[in-house]
Amino acid sequence: MTSTPSITPSITVQYAQGLCQAAERLGLSLPPAWPSKLPSRVPLAQQDALWQHLAAQSREPLLGLQLGHALHIGHLDLVGVLLMSCDSLGEALEALLEYYPIIGEGGEFSLQHEGERCVLSYQPRYNVLTEMRVEAVLASLINMTRWISGGRELDLHVQFAHPALAANNAYQQVLACPVRFSASSNALSLPRAVLSQALIQANPAMCSHLRQLADQQLDALGNSSLSAQVAQLLNEFPAWGKERVAERLAVSGRHLNRKLAEEGASFKLLREQVLSRLAEQGLRDGRSIQQLAEQLGFADESAFSKAFRRWCGVTPGQFRQR
């Protein structure tokens, strides 16, 4: 089964709890309104608020790196156990590509082969503290890749699309691998030769059973999320407004708002997530500001530039330079 990732405003409760536990070990407190019992899926908007609260307390530029490094395989929900039970590291990477929406739908993974190396790229879909959270994702990925491989030397390299948030040696201390900044993408790379390495807890029978359960979870997630349907339509038709999307889904605009709110989302938030991601990708692909403004439904280049600065903290021109 091959899944088509969709943008939905939630992550699994295990991942959210892992971040909270790691933050508390660093002496940070959770937001006053943070619930004592979380739902099985934590809305992305709630995650945004958590990250803002922790970053304001910590004032540590590498907080994301620290929190991500503290996560372990159990924080990946059912997918974590599935990855452990795969026969090889290559099979585990393929399983991650298929089932990562179960962990969280705030970003998208892709896998490419470049010469003798394999590159696992990560594209975020959130706008709040993006650089810090990307570092958390890749730090956790490095940590877990080493763990399921039994601590073998894998010759890992990591790159970030953003500039360094602190001195390079601070990254080296946490990640213990070469790090590159202002790259074309956020990615972890490793030699293709290590993909055939057997994993320390490989269990084919358990892996097969867990895949069936993961398929069920993935289907339920896609079928139950109105946010996913809205995001998919916006990906195809980014210039559409709420009423046009509601019409395609055969509901009223008011009903659409109410149902999205029940999922912890809003049309405005979903649309901005989609547009910001499409805008960033368009700039990376070399499209002009005028082309992007028209494609994404803005009245003119000025309106697009103002929105882009609000999403990313920089102008489109500064983003290109970075």
C-alpha atoms as a PDB file:
ATOM      1  CA  MET A   1       0.000   0.000   0.000  1.00  0.00           C
ATOM      2  CA  THR A   2       1.301   3.460  -0.871  1.00  0.00           C
ATOM      3  CA  SER A   3      -0.078   6.423   1.062  1.00  0.00           C
ATOM      4  CA  THR A   4      -0.553   9.891  -0.329  1.00  0.00           C
ATOM      5  CA  PRO A   5       0.365  12.318   2.451  1.00  0.00           C
ATOM      6  CA  SER A   6      -2.134  15.009   3.199  1.00  0.00           C
ATOM      7  CA  ILE A   7      -1.944  18.135   5.289  1.00  0.00           C
ATOM      8  CA  THR A   8      -3.960  17.682   8.446  1.00  0.00           C
ATOM      9  CA  PRO A   9      -3.568  19.711  11.634  1.00  0.00           C
ATOM     10  CA  SER A  10      -2.647  16.932  14.049  1.00  0.00           C
ATOM     11  CA  ILE A  11       0.081  14.688  15.402  1.00  0.00           C
ATOM     12  CA  THR A  12      -0.127  11.489  17.410  1.00  0.00           C
ATOM     13  CA  VAL A  13      -0.447  11.910  21.164  1.00  0.00           C
ATOM     14  CA  GLN A  14       2.733   9.865  21.779  1.00  0.00           C
ATOM     15  CA  TYR A  15       4.864  12.355  19.861  1.00  0.00           C
ATOM     16  CA  ALA A  16       3.272  15.298  21.691  1.00  0.00           C
ATOM     17  CA  GLN A  17       3.845  13.597  25.046  1.00  0.00           C
ATOM     18  CA  GLY A  18       7.473  12.898  24.121  1.00  0.00           C
ATOM     19  CA  LEU A  19       8.069  16.591  23.459  1.00  0.00           C
ATOM     20  CA  CYS A  20       6.396  17.538  26.740  1.00  0.00           C
ATOM     21  CA  GLN A  21       8.438  15.032  28.738  1.00  0.00           C
ATOM     22  CA  ALA A  22      11.672  16.205  27.129  1.00  0.00           C
ATOM     23  CA  ALA A  23      10.768  19.840  27.834  1.00  0.00           C
ATOM     24  CA  GLU A  24      10.040  19.105  31.490  1.00  0.00           C
ATOM     25  CA  ARG A  25      13.411  17.351  31.833  1.00  0.00           C
ATOM     26  CA  LEU A  26      14.979  20.596  30.627  1.00  0.00           C
ATOM     27  CA  GLY A  27      13.165  22.447  33.416  1.00  0.00           C
ATOM     28  CA  LEU A  28      10.531  24.007  31.185  1.00  0.00           C
ATOM     29  CA  SER A  29       6.876  24.256  32.160  1.00  0.00           C
ATOM     30  CA  LEU A  30       3.955  23.450  29.879  1.00  0.00           C
ATOM     31  CA  PRO A  31       1.393  26.110  28.877  1.00  0.00           C
ATOM     32  CA  PRO A  32      -1.117  26.889  31.639  1.00  0.00           C
ATOM     33  CA  ALA A  33      -3.999  25.736  29.453  1.00  0.00           C
ATOM     34  CA  TRP A  34      -2.252  22.493  28.419  1.00  0.00           C
ATOM     35  CA  PRO A  35      -4.710  19.638  29.105  1.00  0.00           C
ATOM     36  CA  SER A  36      -3.785  16.902  31.568  1.00  0.00           C
ATOM     37  CA  LYS A  37      -5.260  14.302  29.208  1.00  0.00           C
ATOM     38  CA  LEU A  38      -4.577  14.720  25.511  1.00  0.00           C
ATOM     39  CA  PRO A  39      -6.734  13.307  22.691  1.00  0.00           C
ATOM     40  CA  SER A  40      -5.308  10.591  20.454  1.00  0.00           C
ATOM     41  CA  ARG A  41      -4.576  13.259  17.826  1.00  0.00           C
ATOM     42  CA  VAL A  42      -3.263  16.646  19.005  1.00  0.00           C
ATOM     43  CA  PRO A  43      -4.279  19.570  16.754  1.00  0.00           C
ATOM     44  CA  LEU A  44      -1.441  21.322  14.984  1.00  0.00           C
ATOM     45  CA  ALA A  45      -2.646  24.676  16.334  1.00  0.00           C
ATOM     46  CA  GLN A  46      -2.176  23.303  19.860  1.00  0.00           C
ATOM     47  CA  GLN A  47       1.343  22.186  18.922  1.00  0.00           C
ATOM     48  CA  ASP A  48       2.077  25.671  17.593  1.00  0.00           C
ATOM     49  CA  ALA A  49       1.094  27.141  20.957  1.00  0.00           C
ATOM     50  CA  LEU A  50       3.241  24.587  22.818  1.00  0.00           C
ATOM     51  CA  TRP A  51       6.341  25.413  20.771  1.00  0.00           C
ATOM     52  CA  GLN A  52       5.819  29.158  21.194  1.00  0.00           C
ATOM     53  CA  HIS A  53       5.449  28.742  24.949  1.00  0.00           C
ATOM     54  CA  LEU A  54       8.561  26.564  25.292  1.00  0.00           C
ATOM     55  CA  ALA A  55      10.694  28.780  23.053  1.00  0.00           C
ATOM     56  CA  ALA A  56       9.706  31.915  24.999  1.00  0.00           C
ATOM     57  CA  GLN A  57      10.701  30.248  28.261  1.00  0.00           C
ATOM     58  CA  SER A  58      13.921  28.665  27.068  1.00  0.00           C
ATOM     59  CA  ARG A  59      15.448  31.368  24.857  1.00  0.00           C
ATOM     60  CA  GLU A  60      17.735  28.554  23.718  1.00  0.00           C
ATOM     61  CA  PRO A  61      18.305  28.693  19.933  1.00  0.00           C
ATOM     62  CA  LEU A  62      18.909  24.934  19.761  1.00  0.00           C
ATOM     63  CA  LEU A  63      15.854  23.964  21.800  1.00  0.00           C
ATOM     64  CA  GLY A  64      14.408  22.040  18.844  1.00  0.00           C
ATOM     65  CA  LEU A  65      17.616  20.061  18.462  1.00  0.00           C
ATOM     66  CA  GLN A  66      17.608  19.202  22.168  1.00  0.00           C
ATOM     67  CA  LEU A  67      13.958  18.155  22.262  1.00  0.00           C
ATOM     68  CA  GLY A  68      14.214  16.073  19.096  1.00  0.00           C
ATOM     69  CA  HIS A  69      17.345  14.303  20.314  1.00  0.00           C
ATOM     70  CA  ALA A  70      15.495  13.313  23.497  1.00  0.00           C
ATOM     71  CA  LEU A  71      12.693  11.508  21.641  1.00  0.00           C
ATOM     72  CA  HIS A  72      12.835   7.729  21.327  1.00  0.00           C
ATOM     73  CA  ILE A  73      11.248   5.144  19.061  1.00  0.00           C
ATOM     74  CA  GLY A  74       8.213   4.689  21.336  1.00  0.00           C
ATOM     75  CA  HIS A  75       7.144   8.270  20.646  1.00  0.00           C
ATOM     76  CA  LEU A  76       6.390   7.322  17.041  1.00  0.00           C
ATOM     77  CA  ASP A  77       3.224   5.432  17.997  1.00  0.00           C
ATOM     78  CA  LEU A  78       2.577   2.158  16.162  1.00  0.00           C
ATOM     79  CA  VAL A  79       4.990   3.253  13.436  1.00  0.00           C
ATOM     80  CA  GLY A  80       7.943   3.157  15.834  1.00  0.00           C
ATOM     81  CA  VAL A  81       7.436  -0.521  16.636  1.00  0.00           C
ATOM     82  CA  LEU A  82       6.893  -1.241  12.934  1.00  0.00           C
ATOM     83  CA  LEU A  83      10.213   0.396  12.023  1.00  0.00           C
ATOM     84  CA  MET A  84      12.040  -1.656  14.654  1.00  0.00           C
ATOM     85  CA  SER A  85      10.629  -4.927  13.343  1.00  0.00           C
ATOM     86  CA  CYS A  86      11.690  -4.353   9.708  1.00  0.00           C
ATOM     87  CA  ASP A  87      14.372  -6.633   8.281  1.00  0.00           C
ATOM     88  CA  SER A  88      16.744  -3.890   7.137  1.00  0.00           C
ATOM     89  CA  LEU A  89      17.401  -0.183   7.411  1.00  0.00           C
ATOM     90  CA  GLY A  90      16.252   0.284   3.815  1.00  0.00           C
ATOM     91  CA  GLU A  91      12.938  -1.424   4.555  1.00  0.00           C
ATOM     92  CA  ALA A  92      12.506   0.777   7.638  1.00  0.00           C
ATOM     93  CA  LEU A  93      13.017   3.939   5.561  1.00  0.00           C
ATOM     94  CA  GLU A  94      10.440   2.754   3.040  1.00  0.00           C
ATOM     95  CA  ALA A  95       7.989   2.033   5.878  1.00  0.00           C
ATOM     96  CA  LEU A  96       8.559   5.528   7.266  1.00  0.00           C
ATOM     97  CA  LEU A  97       7.712   7.022   3.872  1.00  0.00           C
ATOM     98  CA  GLU A  98       4.472   5.073   3.798  1.00  0.00           C
ATOM     99  CA  TYR A  99       3.253   5.521   7.349  1.00  0.00           C
ATOM    100  CA  TYR A 100       4.637   8.845   8.629  1.00  0.00           C
ATOM    101  CA  PRO A 101       1.175  10.550   8.506  1.00  0.00           C
ATOM    102  CA  ILE A 102       0.238   8.377  11.500  1.00  0.00           C
ATOM    103  CA  ILE A 103       3.001  10.085  13.504  1.00  0.00           C
ATOM    104  CA  GLY A 104       2.135  13.550  12.314  1.00  0.00           C
ATOM    105  CA  GLU A 105       0.908  15.403   9.254  1.00  0.00           C
ATOM    106  CA  GLY A 106       2.757  18.666   9.732  1.00  0.00           C
ATOM    107  CA  GLY A 107       5.366  17.723   7.132  1.00  0.00           C
ATOM    108  CA  GLU A 108       6.197  15.425   4.265  1.00  0.00           C
ATOM    109  CA  PHE A 109       9.086  12.969   3.722  1.00  0.00           C
ATOM    110  CA  SER A 110      10.553  11.919   0.394  1.00  0.00           C
ATOM    111  CA  LEU A 111      13.438   9.637  -0.576  1.00  0.00           C
ATOM    112  CA  GLN A 112      15.938  10.079  -3.403  1.00  0.00           C
ATOM    113  CA  HIS A 113      19.095   8.268  -4.462  1.00  0.00           C
ATOM    114  CA  GLU A 114      21.977  10.563  -5.368  1.00  0.00           C
ATOM    115  CA  GLY A 115      24.982   8.602  -6.541  1.00  0.00           C
ATOM    116  CA  GLU A 116      26.222   6.411  -3.731  1.00  0.00           C
ATOM    117  CA  ARG A 117      24.080   8.104  -1.101  1.00  0.00           C
ATOM    118  CA  CYS A 118      20.429   7.904  -0.116  1.00  0.00           C
ATOM    119  CA  VAL A 119      18.749  11.219   0.822  1.00  0.00           C
ATOM    120  CA  LEU A 120      15.656  11.379   3.056  1.00  0.00           C
ATOM    121  CA  SER A 121      14.203  14.888   2.705  1.00  0.00           C
ATOM    122  CA  TYR A 122      11.688  16.620   4.974  1.00  0.00           C
ATOM    123  CA  GLN A 123       9.394  19.448   3.922  1.00  0.00           C
ATOM    124  CA  PRO A 124       7.518  21.144   6.816  1.00  0.00           C
ATOM    125  CA  ARG A 125       3.970  22.433   6.460  1.00  0.00           C
ATOM    126  CA  TYR A 126       3.792  24.598   9.574  1.00  0.00           C
ATOM    127  CA  ASN A 127       4.617  28.289   9.906  1.00  0.00           C
ATOM    128  CA  VAL A 128       5.349  28.674  13.630  1.00  0.00           C
ATOM    129  CA  LEU A 129       9.025  28.323  14.673  1.00  0.00           C
ATOM    130  CA  THR A 130       9.624  26.310  11.527  1.00  0.00           C
ATOM    131  CA  GLU A 131      13.422  26.144  11.727  1.00  0.00           C
ATOM    132  CA  MET A 132      13.443  25.018  15.357  1.00  0.00           C
ATOM    133  CA  ARG A 133      10.848  22.311  14.703  1.00  0.00           C
ATOM    134  CA  VAL A 134      12.605  21.041  11.578  1.00  0.00           C
ATOM    135  CA  GLU A 135      15.732  20.605  13.685  1.00  0.00           C
ATOM    136  CA  ALA A 136      13.690  18.594  16.195  1.00  0.00           C
ATOM    137  CA  VAL A 137      12.409  16.286  13.448  1.00  0.00           C
ATOM    138  CA  LEU A 138      15.832  15.604  11.942  1.00  0.00           C
ATOM    139  CA  ALA A 139      17.534  15.240  15.334  1.00  0.00           C
ATOM    140  CA  SER A 140      14.968  12.615  16.351  1.00  0.00           C
ATOM    141  CA  LEU A 141      15.381  10.875  12.990  1.00  0.00           C
ATOM    142  CA  ILE A 142      19.169  10.660  13.419  1.00  0.00           C
ATOM    143  CA  ASN A 143      18.841   9.374  16.974  1.00  0.00           C
ATOM    144  CA  MET A 144      16.311   6.682  16.065  1.00  0.00           C
ATOM    145  CA  THR A 145      18.172   5.593  12.915  1.00  0.00           C
ATOM    146  CA  ARG A 146      21.246   4.906  15.012  1.00  0.00           C
ATOM    147  CA  TRP A 147      19.208   3.124  17.671  1.00  0.00           C
ATOM    148  CA  ILE A 148      17.390   0.669  15.394  1.00  0.00           C
ATOM    149  CA  SER A 149      20.734  -0.055  13.694  1.00  0.00           C
ATOM    150  CA  GLY A 150      22.312  -1.104  16.988  1.00  0.00           C
ATOM    151  CA  GLY A 151      24.638   1.868  17.191  1.00  0.00           C
ATOM    152  CA  ARG A 152      26.587   0.946  14.057  1.00  0.00           C
ATOM    153  CA  GLU A 153      28.615   3.565  12.216  1.00  0.00           C
ATOM    154  CA  LEU A 154      26.350   4.756   9.383  1.00  0.00           C
ATOM    155  CA  ASP A 155      28.214   7.807   8.014  1.00  0.00           C
ATOM    156  CA  LEU A 156      25.169  10.049   8.445  1.00  0.00           C
ATOM    157  CA  HIS A 157      25.109  13.609   7.077  1.00  0.00           C
ATOM    158  CA  VAL A 158      22.439  16.198   7.810  1.00  0.00           C
ATOM    159  CA  GLN A 159      21.541  19.446   6.067  1.00  0.00           C
ATOM    160  CA  PHE A 160      19.122  22.265   6.862  1.00  0.00           C
ATOM    161  CA  ALA A 161      17.508  24.713   4.458  1.00  0.00           C
ATOM    162  CA  HIS A 162      17.930  27.513   7.007  1.00  0.00           C
ATOM    163  CA  PRO A 163      21.088  29.212   8.312  1.00  0.00           C
ATOM    164  CA  ALA A 164      22.660  27.948  11.541  1.00  0.00           C
ATOM    165  CA  LEU A 165      20.813  29.052  14.678  1.00  0.00           C
ATOM    166  CA  ALA A 166      23.977  28.700  16.811  1.00  0.00           C
ATOM    167  CA  ALA A 167      27.666  27.864  16.447  1.00  0.00           C
ATOM    168  CA  ASN A 168      28.416  24.851  14.253  1.00  0.00           C
ATOM    169  CA  ASN A 169      30.219  22.988  17.049  1.00  0.00           C
ATOM    170  CA  ALA A 170      27.005  23.137  19.125  1.00  0.00           C
ATOM    171  CA  TYR A 171      25.262  21.130  16.410  1.00  0.00           C
ATOM    172  CA  GLN A 172      28.155  18.684  16.255  1.00  0.00           C
ATOM    173  CA  GLN A 173      27.915  18.013  19.991  1.00  0.00           C
ATOM    174  CA  VAL A 174      24.278  16.954  19.709  1.00  0.00           C
ATOM    175  CA  LEU A 175      24.154  15.320  16.272  1.00  0.00           C
ATOM    176  CA  ALA A 176      27.705  13.888  16.062  1.00  0.00           C
ATOM    177  CA  CYS A 177      27.736  14.047  12.261  1.00  0.00           C
ATOM    178  CA  PRO A 178      28.584  16.554   9.499  1.00  0.00           C
ATOM    179  CA  VAL A 179      26.045  19.397   9.279  1.00  0.00           C
ATOM    180  CA  ARG A 180      25.416  21.775   6.363  1.00  0.00           C
ATOM    181  CA  PHE A 181      23.230  24.904   6.415  1.00  0.00           C
ATOM    182  CA  SER A 182      21.363  27.036   3.862  1.00  0.00           C
ATOM    183  CA  ALA A 183      20.996  23.916   1.733  1.00  0.00           C
ATOM    184  CA  SER A 184      18.378  23.276  -0.929  1.00  0.00           C
ATOM    185  CA  SER A 185      16.342  21.096   1.456  1.00  0.00           C
ATOM    186  CA  ASN A 186      16.150  19.668   4.963  1.00  0.00           C
ATOM    187  CA  ALA A 187      17.536  16.176   4.690  1.00  0.00           C
ATOM    188  CA  LEU A 188      19.362  13.245   6.243  1.00  0.00           C
ATOM    189  CA  SER A 189      21.688  11.309   3.957  1.00  0.00           C
ATOM    190  CA  LEU A 190      23.480   7.995   4.366  1.00  0.00           C
ATOM    191  CA  PRO A 191      25.396   5.599   2.095  1.00  0.00           C
ATOM    192  CA  ARG A 192      23.220   3.327  -0.021  1.00  0.00           C
ATOM    193  CA  ALA A 193      25.464   0.448   1.041  1.00  0.00           C
ATOM    194  CA  VAL A 194      24.149   0.532   4.634  1.00  0.00           C
ATOM    195  CA  LEU A 195      20.490   0.145   3.563  1.00  0.00           C
ATOM    196  CA  SER A 196      20.897  -3.637   3.476  1.00  0.00           C
ATOM    197  CA  GLN A 197      22.105  -3.812   7.081  1.00  0.00           C
ATOM    198  CA  ALA A 198      19.897  -6.052   9.234  1.00  0.00           C
ATOM    199  CA  LEU A 199      18.150  -4.354  12.147  1.00  0.00           C
ATOM    200  CA  ILE A 200      18.787  -5.559  15.695  1.00  0.00           C
ATOM    201  CA  GLN A 201      15.099  -6.313  16.444  1.00  0.00           C
ATOM    202  CA  ALA A 202      13.981  -7.557  13.014  1.00  0.00           C
ATOM    203  CA  ASN A 203      10.828  -9.676  13.255  1.00  0.00           C
ATOM    204  CA  PRO A 204       9.140 -10.426   9.899  1.00  0.00           C
ATOM    205  CA  ALA A 205       5.967 -11.912  11.417  1.00  0.00           C
ATOM    206  CA  MET A 206       5.448  -8.943  13.739  1.00  0.00           C
ATOM    207  CA  CYS A 207       6.279  -6.518  10.931  1.00  0.00           C
ATOM    208  CA  SER A 208       3.602  -8.039   8.701  1.00  0.00           C
ATOM    209  CA  HIS A 209       0.990  -7.814  11.471  1.00  0.00           C
ATOM    210  CA  LEU A 210       1.932  -4.215  12.313  1.00  0.00           C
ATOM    211  CA  ARG A 211       1.665  -3.224   8.663  1.00  0.00           C
ATOM    212  CA  GLN A 212      -1.938  -4.410   8.630  1.00  0.00           C
ATOM    213  CA  LEU A 213      -2.709  -2.321  11.709  1.00  0.00           C
ATOM    214  CA  ALA A 214      -0.890   0.681  10.253  1.00  0.00           C
ATOM    215  CA  ASP A 215      -2.857   0.373   7.008  1.00  0.00           C
ATOM    216  CA  GLN A 216      -6.075   0.483   9.023  1.00  0.00           C
ATOM    217  CA  GLN A 217      -4.926   3.551  10.958  1.00  0.00           C
ATOM    218  CA  LEU A 218      -3.860   5.302   7.784  1.00  0.00           C
ATOM    219  CA  ASP A 219      -7.202   4.614   6.125  1.00  0.00           C
ATOM    220  CA  ALA A 220      -9.123   5.796   9.176  1.00  0.00           C
ATOM    221  CA  LEU A 221      -7.028   8.938   9.371  1.00  0.00           C
ATOM    222  CA  GLY A 222      -7.600   9.836   5.739  1.00  0.00           C
ATOM    223  CA  ASN A 223     -11.301   9.007   5.793  1.00  0.00           C
ATOM    224  CA  SER A 224     -12.106  10.849   9.022  1.00  0.00           C
ATOM    225  CA  SER A 225     -10.329  14.120   8.375  1.00  0.00           C
ATOM    226  CA  LEU A 226     -12.220  16.922   6.703  1.00  0.00           C
ATOM    227  CA  SER A 227      -9.026  18.963   7.076  1.00  0.00           C
ATOM    228  CA  ALA A 228      -7.251  16.517   4.783  1.00  0.00           C
ATOM    229  CA  GLN A 229      -9.934  16.941   2.118  1.00  0.00           C
ATOM    230  CA  VAL A 230      -9.793  20.726   2.382  1.00  0.00           C
ATOM    231  CA  ALA A 231      -6.000  20.756   2.203  1.00  0.00           C
ATOM    232  CA  GLN A 232      -6.015  18.459  -0.812  1.00  0.00           C
ATOM    233  CA  LEU A 233      -8.403  20.771  -2.665  1.00  0.00           C
ATOM    234  CA  LEU A 234      -6.288  23.798  -1.768  1.00  0.00           C
ATOM    235  CA  ASN A 235      -3.185  22.044  -3.037  1.00  0.00           C
ATOM    236  CA  GLU A 236      -4.923  21.540  -6.384  1.00  0.00           C
ATOM    237  CA  PHE A 237      -6.693  24.926  -6.442  1.00  0.00           C
ATOM    238  CA  PRO A 238      -4.729  27.322  -4.185  1.00  0.00           C
ATOM    239  CA  ALA A 239      -6.648  30.391  -5.347  1.00  0.00           C
ATOM    240  CA  TRP A 240      -9.981  29.003  -4.103  1.00  0.00           C
ATOM    241  CA  GLY A 241     -11.693  30.627  -1.147  1.00  0.00           C
ATOM    242  CA  LYS A 242     -13.771  29.039   1.585  1.00  0.00           C
ATOM    243  CA  GLU A 243     -17.087  29.137  -0.227  1.00  0.00           C
ATOM    244  CA  ARG A 244     -15.668  27.513  -3.360  1.00  0.00           C
ATOM    245  CA  VAL A 245     -14.094  24.723  -1.324  1.00  0.00           C
ATOM    246  CA  ALA A 246     -17.297  24.243   0.680  1.00  0.00           C
ATOM    247  CA  GLU A 247     -19.278  24.013  -2.558  1.00  0.00           C
ATOM    248  CA  ARG A 248     -16.968  21.257  -3.859  1.00  0.00           C
ATOM    249  CA  LEU A 249     -17.447  19.349  -0.583  1.00  0.00           C
ATOM    250  CA  ALA A 250     -21.220  19.815  -0.813  1.00  0.00           C
ATOM    251  CA  VAL A 251     -21.510  21.740   2.471  1.00  0.00           C
ATOM    252  CA  SER A 252     -22.153  25.353   3.398  1.00  0.00           C
ATOM    253  CA  GLY A 253     -19.307  27.668   4.392  1.00  0.00           C
ATOM    254  CA  ARG A 254     -20.694  27.842   7.928  1.00  0.00           C
ATOM    255  CA  HIS A 255     -20.900  24.061   8.202  1.00  0.00           C
ATOM    256  CA  LEU A 256     -17.337  23.761   6.900  1.00  0.00           C
ATOM    257  CA  ASN A 257     -16.112  26.173   9.578  1.00  0.00           C
ATOM    258  CA  ARG A 258     -17.904  24.285  12.321  1.00  0.00           C
ATOM    259  CA  LYS A 259     -16.602  20.861  11.261  1.00  0.00           C
ATOM    260  CA  LEU A 260     -13.027  22.124  10.886  1.00  0.00           C
ATOM    261  CA  ALA A 261     -13.210  23.658  14.355  1.00  0.00           C
ATOM    262  CA  GLU A 262     -14.181  20.246  15.749  1.00  0.00           C
ATOM    263  CA  GLU A 263     -10.891  18.933  14.323  1.00  0.00           C
ATOM    264  CA  GLY A 264      -8.956  21.804  15.912  1.00  0.00           C
ATOM    265  CA  ALA A 265      -8.438  23.526  12.560  1.00  0.00           C
ATOM    266  CA  SER A 266      -9.702  26.502  10.613  1.00  0.00           C
ATOM    267  CA  PHE A 267      -9.964  27.229   6.912  1.00  0.00           C
ATOM    268  CA  LYS A 268      -7.677  30.248   7.268  1.00  0.00           C
ATOM    269  CA  LEU A 269      -4.961  28.231   9.001  1.00  0.00           C
ATOM    270  CA  LEU A 270      -5.157  25.387   6.485  1.00  0.00           C
ATOM    271  CA  ARG A 271      -5.048  27.764   3.534  1.00  0.00           C
ATOM    272  CA  GLU A 272      -2.060  29.648   4.919  1.00  0.00           C
ATOM    273  CA  GLN A 273      -0.209  26.375   5.535  1.00  0.00           C
ATOM    274  CA  VAL A 274      -0.807  25.297   1.951  1.00  0.00           C
ATOM    275  CA  LEU A 275      -0.028  28.682   0.404  1.00  0.00           C
ATOM    276  CA  SER A 276       3.173  29.211   2.389  1.00  0.00           C
ATOM    277  CA  ARG A 277       4.469  25.778   1.392  1.00  0.00           C
ATOM    278  CA  LEU A 278       3.562  26.324  -2.270  1.00  0.00           C
ATOM    279  CA  ALA A 279       5.138  29.793  -2.173  1.00  0.00           C
ATOM    280  CA  GLU A 280       8.408  28.492  -0.723  1.00  0.00           C
ATOM    281  CA  GLN A 281       8.551  25.676  -3.251  1.00  0.00           C
ATOM    282  CA  GLY A 282       7.757  28.052  -6.094  1.00  0.00           C
ATOM    283  CA  LEU A 283      10.586  30.403  -5.094  1.00  0.00           C
ATOM    284  CA  ARG A 284      12.991  27.462  -4.863  1.00  0.00           C
ATOM    285  CA  ASP A 285      11.893  26.384  -8.339  1.00  0.00           C
ATOM    286  CA  GLY A 286      12.681  29.833  -9.734  1.00  0.00           C
ATOM    287  CA  ARG A 287       9.169  31.077 -10.398  1.00  0.00           C
ATOM    288  CA  SER A 288       8.663  34.843 -10.360  1.00  0.00           C
ATOM    289  CA  ILE A 289       6.763  36.713  -7.656  1.00  0.00           C
ATOM    290  CA  GLN A 290       4.182  37.748 -10.244  1.00  0.00           C
ATOM    291  CA  GLN A 291       3.605  34.125 -11.285  1.00  0.00           C
ATOM    292  CA  LEU A 292       3.220  32.997  -7.679  1.00  0.00           C
ATOM    293  CA  ALA A 293       0.886  35.878  -6.789  1.00  0.00           C
ATOM    294  CA  GLU A 294      -1.433  34.906  -9.658  1.00  0.00           C
ATOM    295  CA  GLN A 295      -1.224  31.162  -8.973  1.00  0.00           C
ATOM    296  CA  LEU A 296      -1.994  31.555  -5.275  1.00  0.00           C
ATOM    297  CA  GLY A 297      -4.892  33.971  -5.726  1.00  0.00           C
ATOM    298  CA  PHE A 298      -3.375  37.272  -4.551  1.00  0.00           C
ATOM    299  CA  ALA A 299      -4.516  40.596  -5.973  1.00  0.00           C
ATOM    300  CA  ASP A 300      -0.961  41.664  -6.814  1.00  0.00           C
ATOM    301  CA  GLU A 301       2.720  41.125  -6.035  1.00  0.00           C
ATOM    302  CA  SER A 302       2.602  43.479  -3.058  1.00  0.00           C
ATOM    303  CA  ALA A 303      -0.151  41.491  -1.335  1.00  0.00           C
ATOM    304  CA  PHE A 304       1.739  38.264  -1.933  1.00  0.00           C
ATOM    305  CA  SER A 305       4.985  39.724  -0.553  1.00  0.00           C
ATOM    306  CA  LYS A 306       3.248  40.965   2.602  1.00  0.00           C
ATOM    307  CA  ALA A 307       1.673  37.565   3.191  1.00  0.00           C
ATOM    308  CA  PHE A 308       4.970  35.764   2.566  1.00  0.00           C
ATOM    309  CA  ARG A 309       6.764  37.978   5.090  1.00  0.00           C
ATOM    310  CA  ARG A 310       4.052  37.199   7.648  1.00  0.00           C
ATOM    311  CA  TRP A 311       4.436  33.453   7.058  1.00  0.00           C
ATOM    312  CA  CYS A 312       8.214  33.183   6.877  1.00  0.00           C
ATOM    313  CA  GLY A 313       9.572  36.301   8.580  1.00  0.00           C
ATOM    314  CA  VAL A 314      11.477  37.377   5.447  1.00  0.00           C
ATOM    315  CA  THR A 315      10.619  38.853   2.054  1.00  0.00           C
ATOM    316  CA  PRO A 316      10.504  36.608  -1.033  1.00  0.00           C
ATOM    317  CA  GLY A 317      13.773  38.198  -2.200  1.00  0.00           C
ATOM    318  CA  GLN A 318      15.506  37.467   1.117  1.00  0.00           C
ATOM    319  CA  PHE A 319      14.192  33.912   1.002  1.00  0.00           C
ATOM    320  CA  ARG A 320      15.758  33.395  -2.432  1.00  0.00           C
ATOM    321  CA  GLN A 321      19.112  34.715  -1.189  1.00  0.00           C
ATOM    322  CA  ARG A 322      19.053  32.309   1.745  1.00  0.00           C
END
